[in-house]
All heavy atoms as atom14 arrays in JSON, in Angstrom:
{
  "sequence": "LDIRHLTKDQAIAIYHRDYWLPSGCDSIADPDVAGLVFDLAVNCGLGG",
  "atom14_mask": [
    [1, 1, 1, 1, 1, 1, 1, 1, 0, 0, 0, 0, 0, 0],
    [1, 1, 1, 1, 1, 1, 1, 1, 0, 0, 0, 0, 0, 0],
    [1, 1, 1, 1, 1, 1, 1, 1, 0, 0, 0, 0, 0, 0],
    [1, 1, 1, 1, 1, 1, 1, 1, 1, 1, 1, 0, 0, 0],
    [1, 1, 1, 1, 1, 1, 1, 1, 1, 1, 0, 0, 0, 0],
    [1, 1, 1, 1, 1, 1, 1, 1, 0, 0, 0, 0, 0, 0],
    [1, 1, 1, 1, 1, 1, 1, 0, 0, 0, 0, 0, 0, 0],
    [1, 1, 1, 1, 1, 1, 1, 1, 1, 0, 0, 0, 0, 0],
    [1, 1, 1, 1, 1, 1, 1, 1, 0, 0, 0, 0, 0, 0],
    [1, 1, 1, 1, 1, 1, 1, 1, 1, 0, 0, 0, 0, 0],
    [1, 1, 1, 1, 1, 0, 0, 0, 0, 0, 0, 0, 0, 0],
    [1, 1, 1, 1, 1, 1, 1, 1, 0, 0, 0, 0, 0, 0],
    [1, 1, 1, 1, 1, 0, 0, 0, 0, 0, 0, 0, 0, 0],
    [1, 1, 1, 1, 1, 1, 1, 1, 0, 0, 0, 0, 0, 0],
    [1, 1, 1, 1, 1, 1, 1, 1, 1, 1, 1, 1, 0, 0],
    [1, 1, 1, 1, 1, 1, 1, 1, 1, 1, 0, 0, 0, 0],
    [1, 1, 1, 1, 1, 1, 1, 1, 1, 1, 1, 0, 0, 0],
    [1, 1, 1, 1, 1, 1, 1, 1, 0, 0, 0, 0, 0, 0],
    [1, 1, 1, 1, 1, 1, 1, 1, 1, 1, 1, 1, 0, 0],
    [1, 1, 1, 1, 1, 1, 1, 1, 1, 1, 1, 1, 1, 1],
    [1, 1, 1, 1, 1, 1, 1, 1, 0, 0, 0, 0, 0, 0],
    [1, 1, 1, 1, 1, 1, 1, 0, 0, 0, 0, 0, 0, 0],
    [1, 1, 1, 1, 1, 1, 0, 0, 0, 0, 0, 0, 0, 0],
    [1, 1, 1, 1, 0, 0, 0, 0, 0, 0, 0, 0, 0, 0],
    [1, 1, 1, 1, 1, 1, 0, 0, 0, 0, 0, 0, 0, 0],
    [1, 1, 1, 1, 1, 1, 1, 1, 0, 0, 0, 0, 0, 0],
    [1, 1, 1, 1, 1, 1, 0, 0, 0, 0, 0, 0, 0, 0],
    [1, 1, 1, 1, 1, 1, 1, 1, 0, 0, 0, 0, 0, 0],
    [1, 1, 1, 1, 1, 0, 0, 0, 0, 0, 0, 0, 0, 0],
    [1, 1, 1, 1, 1, 1, 1, 1, 0, 0, 0, 0, 0, 0],
    [1, 1, 1, 1, 1, 1, 1, 0, 0, 0, 0, 0, 0, 0],
    [1, 1, 1, 1, 1, 1, 1, 1, 0, 0, 0, 0, 0, 0],
    [1, 1, 1, 1, 1, 1, 1, 0, 0, 0, 0, 0, 0, 0],
    [1, 1, 1, 1, 1, 0, 0, 0, 0, 0, 0, 0, 0, 0],
    [1, 1, 1, 1, 0, 0, 0, 0, 0, 0, 0, 0, 0, 0],
    [1, 1, 1, 1, 1, 1, 1, 1, 0, 0, 0, 0, 0, 0],
    [1, 1, 1, 1, 1, 1, 1, 0, 0, 0, 0, 0, 0, 0],
    [1, 1, 1, 1, 1, 1, 1, 1, 1, 1, 1, 0, 0, 0],
    [1, 1, 1, 1, 1, 1, 1, 1, 0, 0, 0, 0, 0, 0],
    [1, 1, 1, 1, 1, 1, 1, 1, 0, 0, 0, 0, 0, 0],
    [1, 1, 1, 1, 1, 0, 0, 0, 0, 0, 0, 0, 0, 0],
    [1, 1, 1, 1, 1, 1, 1, 0, 0, 0, 0, 0, 0, 0],
    [1, 1, 1, 1, 1, 1, 1, 1, 0, 0, 0, 0, 0, 0],
    [1, 1, 1, 1, 1, 1, 0, 0, 0, 0, 0, 0, 0, 0],
    [1, 1, 1, 1, 0, 0, 0, 0, 0, 0, 0, 0, 0, 0],
    [1, 1, 1, 1, 1, 1, 1, 1, 0, 0, 0, 0, 0, 0],
    [1, 1, 1, 1, 0, 0, 0, 0, 0, 0, 0, 0, 0, 0],
    [1, 1, 1, 1, 0, 0, 0, 0, 0, 0, 0, 0, 0, 0]
  ],
  "atom14_positions": [
    [[4.36, 16.75, -1.87], [2.97, 16.6, -2.44], [1.99, 17.74, -1.95], [2.07, 18.06, -0.68], [2.42, 15.37, -2.21], [2.93, 14.13, -2.95], [2.25, 12.78, -2.59], [2.94, 14.4, -4.44], [0.0, 0.0, 0.0], [0.0, 0.0, 0.0], [0.0, 0.0, 0.0], [0.0, 0.0, 0.0], [0.0, 0.0, 0.0], [0.0, 0.0, 0.0]],
    [[1.16, 18.14, -2.84], [0.11, 19.05, -2.31], [-0.99, 18.08, -1.74], [-1.86, 17.68, -2.53], [-0.51, 19.9, -3.49], [-1.6, 20.73, -3.07], [-2.16, 20.74, -1.88], [-2.11, 21.61, -3.94], [0.0, 0.0, 0.0], [0.0, 0.0, 0.0], [0.0, 0.0, 0.0], [0.0, 0.0, 0.0], [0.0, 0.0, 0.0], [0.0, 0.0, 0.0]],
    [[-0.99, 17.78, -0.48], [-1.84, 16.66, 0.12], [-3.32, 17.19, -0.03], [-4.14, 16.32, -0.28], [-1.48, 16.54, 1.59], [-0.04, 15.95, 1.69], [-2.39, 15.6, 2.33], [0.25, 14.57, 1.06], [0.0, 0.0, 0.0], [0.0, 0.0, 0.0], [0.0, 0.0, 0.0], [0.0, 0.0, 0.0], [0.0, 0.0, 0.0], [0.0, 0.0, 0.0]],
    [[-3.67, 18.39, 0.26], [-5.03, 18.88, 0.14], [-5.65, 18.56, -1.15], [-6.89, 18.2, -1.4], [-5.09, 20.33, 0.49], [-6.53, 20.81, 0.48], [-6.8, 22.2, 0.77], [-6.44, 22.63, 2.17], [-7.37, 22.51, 3.15], [-8.43, 21.84, 2.98], [-6.93, 22.75, 4.46], [0.0, 0.0, 0.0], [0.0, 0.0, 0.0], [0.0, 0.0, 0.0]],
    [[-4.83, 18.63, -2.32], [-5.34, 18.47, -3.6], [-4.95, 17.07, -4.19], [-5.21, 16.95, -5.39], [-5.01, 19.62, -4.43], [-5.61, 20.9, -4.05], [-4.8, 21.72, -3.27], [-6.79, 21.43, -4.1], [-5.59, 22.75, -3.03], [-6.75, 22.58, -3.44], [0.0, 0.0, 0.0], [0.0, 0.0, 0.0], [0.0, 0.0, 0.0], [0.0, 0.0, 0.0]],
    [[-4.51, 16.19, -3.36], [-4.28, 14.8, -3.9], [-5.48, 14.16, -4.34], [-6.58, 14.14, -3.75], [-3.6, 14.02, -2.8], [-3.1, 12.72, -3.11], [-1.78, 12.85, -3.94], [-2.82, 11.86, -1.68], [0.0, 0.0, 0.0], [0.0, 0.0, 0.0], [0.0, 0.0, 0.0], [0.0, 0.0, 0.0], [0.0, 0.0, 0.0], [0.0, 0.0, 0.0]],
    [[-5.41, 13.46, -5.47], [-6.47, 12.73, -6.02], [-6.49, 11.28, -5.55], [-5.32, 10.87, -5.19], [-6.59, 12.76, -7.47], [-5.5, 12.07, -7.99], [-6.61, 14.27, -8.12], [0.0, 0.0, 0.0], [0.0, 0.0, 0.0], [0.0, 0.0, 0.0], [0.0, 0.0, 0.0], [0.0, 0.0, 0.0], [0.0, 0.0, 0.0], [0.0, 0.0, 0.0]],
    [[-7.6, 10.62, -5.62], [-7.72, 9.23, -5.31], [-6.84, 8.47, -6.2], [-6.1, 7.5, -5.65], [-9.17, 8.79, -5.39], [-9.35, 7.28, -4.9], [-10.78, 6.98, -4.97], [-10.99, 5.53, -4.52], [-12.52, 5.06, -4.71], [0.0, 0.0, 0.0], [0.0, 0.0, 0.0], [0.0, 0.0, 0.0], [0.0, 0.0, 0.0], [0.0, 0.0, 0.0]],
    [[-6.75, 8.69, -7.35], [-5.86, 7.95, -8.34], [-4.43, 8.2, -7.96], [-3.8, 7.17, -8.2], [-6.25, 8.36, -9.86], [-7.66, 7.84, -10.36], [-8.2, 6.83, -9.74], [-7.97, 8.35, -11.33], [0.0, 0.0, 0.0], [0.0, 0.0, 0.0], [0.0, 0.0, 0.0], [0.0, 0.0, 0.0], [0.0, 0.0, 0.0], [0.0, 0.0, 0.0]],
    [[-4.09, 9.3, -7.69], [-2.66, 9.52, -7.25], [-2.31, 8.77, -6.02], [-1.36, 8.13, -5.91], [-2.43, 11.08, -6.99], [-2.41, 11.96, -8.26], [-2.42, 13.38, -7.96], [-3.16, 13.89, -7.07], [-1.68, 14.2, -8.81], [0.0, 0.0, 0.0], [0.0, 0.0, 0.0], [0.0, 0.0, 0.0], [0.0, 0.0, 0.0], [0.0, 0.0, 0.0]],
    [[-3.3, 8.8, -5.05], [-3.04, 7.86, -3.86], [-2.97, 6.54, -4.05], [-2.04, 5.86, -3.55], [-4.22, 8.23, -2.88], [0.0, 0.0, 0.0], [0.0, 0.0, 0.0], [0.0, 0.0, 0.0], [0.0, 0.0, 0.0], [0.0, 0.0, 0.0], [0.0, 0.0, 0.0], [0.0, 0.0, 0.0], [0.0, 0.0, 0.0], [0.0, 0.0, 0.0]],
    [[-3.72, 6.1, -5.0], [-3.79, 4.6, -5.4], [-2.45, 4.25, -6.01], [-1.77, 3.27, -5.66], [-4.79, 4.29, -6.32], [-6.29, 4.21, -5.37], [-4.65, 2.84, -6.93], [-7.51, 4.07, -6.24], [0.0, 0.0, 0.0], [0.0, 0.0, 0.0], [0.0, 0.0, 0.0], [0.0, 0.0, 0.0], [0.0, 0.0, 0.0], [0.0, 0.0, 0.0]],
    [[-1.88, 5.14, -6.9], [-0.55, 4.9, -7.52], [0.49, 4.8, -6.44], [1.44, 3.96, -6.53], [-0.39, 5.9, -8.56], [0.0, 0.0, 0.0], [0.0, 0.0, 0.0], [0.0, 0.0, 0.0], [0.0, 0.0, 0.0], [0.0, 0.0, 0.0], [0.0, 0.0, 0.0], [0.0, 0.0, 0.0], [0.0, 0.0, 0.0], [0.0, 0.0, 0.0]],
    [[0.52, 5.84, -5.47], [1.51, 5.71, -4.49], [1.41, 4.45, -3.71], [2.47, 3.8, -3.3], [1.3, 7.01, -3.53], [1.57, 8.33, -4.28], [2.06, 6.9, -2.27], [1.24, 9.61, -3.64], [0.0, 0.0, 0.0], [0.0, 0.0, 0.0], [0.0, 0.0, 0.0], [0.0, 0.0, 0.0], [0.0, 0.0, 0.0], [0.0, 0.0, 0.0]],
    [[0.11, 4.12, -3.34], [-0.1, 2.79, -2.49], [0.67, 1.64, -3.29], [1.18, 0.82, -2.6], [-1.52, 2.65, -2.09], [-1.9, 3.48, -0.91], [-3.2, 4.01, -0.95], [-1.15, 3.72, 0.1], [-3.7, 4.62, 0.16], [-1.62, 4.36, 1.21], [-2.89, 4.99, 1.26], [-3.32, 5.63, 2.22], [0.0, 0.0, 0.0], [0.0, 0.0, 0.0]],
    [[0.43, 1.59, -4.56], [0.71, 0.45, -5.3], [2.33, 0.39, -5.4], [3.04, -0.53, -5.04], [0.31, 0.47, -6.74], [0.47, -0.86, -7.45], [1.58, -0.89, -8.26], [0.05, -1.94, -7.42], [1.58, -2.01, -8.75], [0.64, -2.88, -8.22], [0.0, 0.0, 0.0], [0.0, 0.0, 0.0], [0.0, 0.0, 0.0], [0.0, 0.0, 0.0]],
    [[2.92, 1.53, -5.65], [4.36, 1.7, -5.85], [5.18, 1.62, -4.47], [6.2, 0.98, -4.34], [4.77, 3.03, -6.56], [6.05, 3.24, -6.7], [6.27, 4.7, -7.19], [6.14, 5.59, -6.05], [5.47, 6.82, -6.27], [4.95, 7.08, -7.39], [5.22, 7.62, -5.06], [0.0, 0.0, 0.0], [0.0, 0.0, 0.0], [0.0, 0.0, 0.0]],
    [[4.56, 2.24, -3.52], [5.36, 2.4, -2.25], [5.08, 1.42, -1.17], [5.67, 1.49, -0.09], [5.26, 3.92, -1.74], [5.82, 4.96, -2.74], [6.56, 4.37, -3.79], [5.73, 6.02, -2.61], [0.0, 0.0, 0.0], [0.0, 0.0, 0.0], [0.0, 0.0, 0.0], [0.0, 0.0, 0.0], [0.0, 0.0, 0.0], [0.0, 0.0, 0.0]],
    [[3.82, 0.74, -1.16], [3.49, -0.07, -0.09], [3.08, -1.42, -0.63], [3.62, -2.42, 0.01], [2.27, 0.48, 0.61], [2.55, 1.77, 1.29], [2.43, 3.08, 0.55], [3.04, 1.92, 2.54], [2.69, 4.19, 1.1], [3.28, 3.06, 3.15], [3.29, 4.2, 2.39], [3.63, 5.41, 3.08], [0.0, 0.0, 0.0], [0.0, 0.0, 0.0]],
    [[2.4, -1.58, -1.61], [2.02, -2.92, -2.08], [3.2, -3.74, -2.54], [3.34, -4.84, -2.22], [0.95, -2.88, -3.3], [0.45, -4.08, -3.84], [0.86, -4.75, -4.9], [-0.66, -4.98, -3.2], [0.23, -6.0, -5.11], [-0.78, -6.08, -4.17], [-1.44, -4.84, -2.13], [-1.66, -7.14, -3.85], [-2.29, -5.97, -1.99], [-2.39, -6.97, -2.74]],
    [[3.87, -3.2, -3.55], [4.94, -3.78, -4.14], [6.21, -4.04, -3.12], [6.7, -5.2, -2.89], [5.57, -3.27, -5.38], [4.58, -3.24, -6.64], [5.08, -2.31, -7.68], [4.21, -4.59, -7.0], [0.0, 0.0, 0.0], [0.0, 0.0, 0.0], [0.0, 0.0, 0.0], [0.0, 0.0, 0.0], [0.0, 0.0, 0.0], [0.0, 0.0, 0.0]],
    [[6.58, -3.02, -2.32], [7.76, -3.27, -1.42], [7.4, -4.17, -0.28], [8.28, -4.87, 0.27], [8.02, -1.81, -0.87], [7.42, -0.91, -1.93], [6.28, -1.65, -2.52], [0.0, 0.0, 0.0], [0.0, 0.0, 0.0], [0.0, 0.0, 0.0], [0.0, 0.0, 0.0], [0.0, 0.0, 0.0], [0.0, 0.0, 0.0], [0.0, 0.0, 0.0]],
    [[6.12, -4.38, 0.17], [5.76, -5.21, 1.26], [5.57, -6.66, 0.72], [5.22, -7.56, 1.42], [4.53, -4.77, 1.94], [3.38, -4.69, 1.19], [0.0, 0.0, 0.0], [0.0, 0.0, 0.0], [0.0, 0.0, 0.0], [0.0, 0.0, 0.0], [0.0, 0.0, 0.0], [0.0, 0.0, 0.0], [0.0, 0.0, 0.0], [0.0, 0.0, 0.0]],
    [[5.73, -6.94, -0.58], [5.5, -8.31, -1.15], [4.16, -8.75, -1.33], [3.97, -9.98, -1.6], [0.0, 0.0, 0.0], [0.0, 0.0, 0.0], [0.0, 0.0, 0.0], [0.0, 0.0, 0.0], [0.0, 0.0, 0.0], [0.0, 0.0, 0.0], [0.0, 0.0, 0.0], [0.0, 0.0, 0.0], [0.0, 0.0, 0.0], [0.0, 0.0, 0.0]],
    [[3.2, -7.87, -1.28], [1.86, -8.34, -1.4], [1.47, -9.03, -2.82], [0.63, -9.86, -2.69], [0.82, -7.14, -1.16], [0.93, -6.6, 0.72], [0.0, 0.0, 0.0], [0.0, 0.0, 0.0], [0.0, 0.0, 0.0], [0.0, 0.0, 0.0], [0.0, 0.0, 0.0], [0.0, 0.0, 0.0], [0.0, 0.0, 0.0], [0.0, 0.0, 0.0]],
    [[2.1, -8.72, -3.76], [1.87, -9.29, -5.06], [2.31, -10.73, -5.09], [1.7, -11.52, -5.82], [2.65, -8.51, -6.25], [4.08, -8.44, -5.93], [4.56, -8.3, -4.87], [4.81, -8.33, -7.03], [0.0, 0.0, 0.0], [0.0, 0.0, 0.0], [0.0, 0.0, 0.0], [0.0, 0.0, 0.0], [0.0, 0.0, 0.0], [0.0, 0.0, 0.0]],
    [[3.21, -11.1, -4.11], [3.58, -12.6, -4.26], [2.82, -13.42, -3.11], [3.19, -14.55, -2.88], [5.09, -12.66, -3.9], [5.55, -12.12, -2.69], [0.0, 0.0, 0.0], [0.0, 0.0, 0.0], [0.0, 0.0, 0.0], [0.0, 0.0, 0.0], [0.0, 0.0, 0.0], [0.0, 0.0, 0.0], [0.0, 0.0, 0.0], [0.0, 0.0, 0.0]],
    [[1.87, -12.78, -2.33], [1.14, -13.38, -1.4], [-0.04, -13.98, -1.92], [-1.01, -13.28, -2.6], [0.7, -12.58, -0.04], [1.99, -12.08, 0.64], [-0.11, -13.27, 0.9], [1.73, -10.83, 1.59], [0.0, 0.0, 0.0], [0.0, 0.0, 0.0], [0.0, 0.0, 0.0], [0.0, 0.0, 0.0], [0.0, 0.0, 0.0], [0.0, 0.0, 0.0]],
    [[-0.3, -15.34, -2.1], [-1.36, -16.01, -2.76], [-2.65, -15.64, -2.04], [-3.66, -15.42, -2.82], [-1.09, -17.5, -2.82], [0.0, 0.0, 0.0], [0.0, 0.0, 0.0], [0.0, 0.0, 0.0], [0.0, 0.0, 0.0], [0.0, 0.0, 0.0], [0.0, 0.0, 0.0], [0.0, 0.0, 0.0], [0.0, 0.0, 0.0], [0.0, 0.0, 0.0]],
    [[-2.86, -15.64, -0.78], [-4.15, -15.49, -0.22], [-4.56, -14.02, -0.17], [-3.8, -13.07, 0.3], [-4.04, -16.0, 1.3], [-5.4, -15.84, 1.96], [-6.17, -14.92, 1.81], [-5.61, -16.78, 2.93], [0.0, 0.0, 0.0], [0.0, 0.0, 0.0], [0.0, 0.0, 0.0], [0.0, 0.0, 0.0], [0.0, 0.0, 0.0], [0.0, 0.0, 0.0]],
    [[-5.53, -13.62, -0.96], [-5.91, -12.18, -0.99], [-6.25, -11.54, 0.34], [-6.0, -10.36, 0.48], [-7.15, -12.13, -1.98], [-7.63, -13.62, -1.97], [-6.45, -14.49, -1.66], [0.0, 0.0, 0.0], [0.0, 0.0, 0.0], [0.0, 0.0, 0.0], [0.0, 0.0, 0.0], [0.0, 0.0, 0.0], [0.0, 0.0, 0.0], [0.0, 0.0, 0.0]],
    [[-6.77, -12.31, 1.28], [-7.04, -11.76, 2.58], [-5.94, -11.43, 3.43], [-5.7, -10.37, 4.09], [-7.98, -12.62, 3.42], [-9.34, -12.72, 2.7], [-10.03, -11.89, 2.33], [-9.72, -13.92, 2.4], [0.0, 0.0, 0.0], [0.0, 0.0, 0.0], [0.0, 0.0, 0.0], [0.0, 0.0, 0.0], [0.0, 0.0, 0.0], [0.0, 0.0, 0.0]],
    [[-4.84, -12.37, 3.16], [-3.55, -12.07, 3.95], [-2.85, -10.85, 3.22], [-2.38, -9.94, 3.83], [-2.77, -13.33, 4.0], [-1.25, -13.01, 4.3], [-3.32, -14.4, 4.8], [0.0, 0.0, 0.0], [0.0, 0.0, 0.0], [0.0, 0.0, 0.0], [0.0, 0.0, 0.0], [0.0, 0.0, 0.0], [0.0, 0.0, 0.0], [0.0, 0.0, 0.0]],
    [[-2.81, -10.83, 1.98], [-2.25, -9.86, 1.13], [-2.88, -8.5, 1.58], [-2.18, -7.52, 1.76], [-2.32, -9.96, -0.38], [0.0, 0.0, 0.0], [0.0, 0.0, 0.0], [0.0, 0.0, 0.0], [0.0, 0.0, 0.0], [0.0, 0.0, 0.0], [0.0, 0.0, 0.0], [0.0, 0.0, 0.0], [0.0, 0.0, 0.0], [0.0, 0.0, 0.0]],
    [[-4.24, -8.39, 1.65], [-4.95, -7.23, 2.02], [-4.5, -6.71, 3.45], [-4.45, -5.52, 3.7], [0.0, 0.0, 0.0], [0.0, 0.0, 0.0], [0.0, 0.0, 0.0], [0.0, 0.0, 0.0], [0.0, 0.0, 0.0], [0.0, 0.0, 0.0], [0.0, 0.0, 0.0], [0.0, 0.0, 0.0], [0.0, 0.0, 0.0], [0.0, 0.0, 0.0]],
    [[-4.51, -7.6, 4.34], [-4.11, -7.2, 5.7], [-2.53, -6.69, 5.7], [-2.28, -5.75, 6.42], [-4.26, -8.38, 6.68], [-3.93, -8.1, 8.15], [-4.67, -6.88, 8.66], [-4.17, -9.27, 9.15], [0.0, 0.0, 0.0], [0.0, 0.0, 0.0], [0.0, 0.0, 0.0], [0.0, 0.0, 0.0], [0.0, 0.0, 0.0], [0.0, 0.0, 0.0]],
    [[-1.84, -7.52, 5.12], [-0.27, -7.07, 5.09], [-0.23, -5.65, 4.46], [0.46, -4.8, 4.98], [0.53, -8.11, 4.33], [1.96, -7.52, 4.03], [0.69, -9.36, 5.1], [0.0, 0.0, 0.0], [0.0, 0.0, 0.0], [0.0, 0.0, 0.0], [0.0, 0.0, 0.0], [0.0, 0.0, 0.0], [0.0, 0.0, 0.0], [0.0, 0.0, 0.0]],
    [[-0.85, -5.39, 3.33], [-0.92, -4.13, 2.67], [-1.47, -3.11, 3.64], [-0.68, -1.94, 3.79], [-1.61, -4.16, 1.5], [-2.01, -2.85, 0.87], [-0.94, -2.07, 0.32], [-3.25, -2.23, 0.88], [-1.18, -0.75, -0.24], [-3.51, -1.06, 0.38], [-2.49, -0.28, -0.17], [0.0, 0.0, 0.0], [0.0, 0.0, 0.0], [0.0, 0.0, 0.0]],
    [[-2.55, -3.34, 4.32], [-3.12, -2.28, 5.31], [-2.16, -2.01, 6.51], [-2.06, -0.9, 6.88], [-4.36, -2.72, 5.76], [-5.2, -1.64, 6.46], [-5.61, -0.65, 5.78], [-5.53, -1.71, 7.56], [0.0, 0.0, 0.0], [0.0, 0.0, 0.0], [0.0, 0.0, 0.0], [0.0, 0.0, 0.0], [0.0, 0.0, 0.0], [0.0, 0.0, 0.0]],
    [[-1.47, -3.07, 6.84], [-0.48, -2.79, 8.02], [0.7, -1.95, 7.45], [1.26, -1.16, 8.21], [-0.06, -4.32, 8.44], [-1.0, -5.03, 9.26], [-0.56, -6.42, 9.52], [-1.38, -4.28, 10.59], [0.0, 0.0, 0.0], [0.0, 0.0, 0.0], [0.0, 0.0, 0.0], [0.0, 0.0, 0.0], [0.0, 0.0, 0.0], [0.0, 0.0, 0.0]],
    [[1.0, -2.27, 6.12], [2.28, -1.5, 5.61], [1.83, -0.04, 5.56], [2.58, 0.84, 5.88], [2.59, -2.02, 4.31], [0.0, 0.0, 0.0], [0.0, 0.0, 0.0], [0.0, 0.0, 0.0], [0.0, 0.0, 0.0], [0.0, 0.0, 0.0], [0.0, 0.0, 0.0], [0.0, 0.0, 0.0], [0.0, 0.0, 0.0], [0.0, 0.0, 0.0]],
    [[0.56, 0.28, 5.19], [0.15, 1.61, 5.08], [-0.01, 2.27, 6.49], [0.38, 3.34, 6.63], [-1.24, 1.57, 4.34], [-1.98, 3.07, 4.48], [-1.25, 1.3, 2.89], [0.0, 0.0, 0.0], [0.0, 0.0, 0.0], [0.0, 0.0, 0.0], [0.0, 0.0, 0.0], [0.0, 0.0, 0.0], [0.0, 0.0, 0.0], [0.0, 0.0, 0.0]],
    [[-0.6, 1.55, 7.4], [-0.88, 2.14, 8.66], [0.43, 2.21, 9.63], [0.58, 3.1, 10.48], [-1.92, 1.42, 9.41], [-2.65, 2.06, 10.48], [-2.77, 3.38, 10.3], [-3.07, 1.6, 11.62], [0.0, 0.0, 0.0], [0.0, 0.0, 0.0], [0.0, 0.0, 0.0], [0.0, 0.0, 0.0], [0.0, 0.0, 0.0], [0.0, 0.0, 0.0]],
    [[1.32, 1.23, 9.38], [2.47, 1.08, 10.34], [3.78, 1.4, 9.64], [4.87, 1.46, 10.31], [2.57, -0.33, 10.89], [1.13, -0.99, 11.72], [0.0, 0.0, 0.0], [0.0, 0.0, 0.0], [0.0, 0.0, 0.0], [0.0, 0.0, 0.0], [0.0, 0.0, 0.0], [0.0, 0.0, 0.0], [0.0, 0.0, 0.0], [0.0, 0.0, 0.0]],
    [[3.76, 1.59, 8.46], [4.97, 1.76, 7.49], [5.53, 0.31, 7.26], [5.14, -0.49, 7.89], [0.0, 0.0, 0.0], [0.0, 0.0, 0.0], [0.0, 0.0, 0.0], [0.0, 0.0, 0.0], [0.0, 0.0, 0.0], [0.0, 0.0, 0.0], [0.0, 0.0, 0.0], [0.0, 0.0, 0.0], [0.0, 0.0, 0.0], [0.0, 0.0, 0.0]],
    [[6.42, 0.37, 6.31], [7.05, -0.96, 5.93], [7.8, -1.61, 7.01], [7.73, -2.72, 7.14], [7.98, -0.64, 4.6], [7.1, -0.29, 3.3], [8.11, 0.18, 2.3], [6.16, -1.31, 2.81], [0.0, 0.0, 0.0], [0.0, 0.0, 0.0], [0.0, 0.0, 0.0], [0.0, 0.0, 0.0], [0.0, 0.0, 0.0], [0.0, 0.0, 0.0]],
    [[8.44, -0.78, 7.68], [9.35, -1.44, 8.95], [8.32, -1.96, 9.87], [8.64, -3.09, 10.38], [0.0, 0.0, 0.0], [0.0, 0.0, 0.0], [0.0, 0.0, 0.0], [0.0, 0.0, 0.0], [0.0, 0.0, 0.0], [0.0, 0.0, 0.0], [0.0, 0.0, 0.0], [0.0, 0.0, 0.0], [0.0, 0.0, 0.0], [0.0, 0.0, 0.0]],
    [[7.26, -1.24, 10.21], [6.43, -1.74, 11.28], [5.72, -2.97, 10.76], [5.56, -3.99, 11.45], [0.0, 0.0, 0.0], [0.0, 0.0, 0.0], [0.0, 0.0, 0.0], [0.0, 0.0, 0.0], [0.0, 0.0, 0.0], [0.0, 0.0, 0.0], [0.0, 0.0, 0.0], [0.0, 0.0, 0.0], [0.0, 0.0, 0.0], [0.0, 0.0, 0.0]]
  ]
}
């Protein structure tokens, strides 16, 4: 990717595809828990 020219919409699409869905956030009922799990996936990677 051309990181310097990445758009917000492109980043959001990557986050949804590569972090939100693989970390199972869509199946977490509590939106606050889902939000924290998502943020941890982004900041620590899926393994972390």
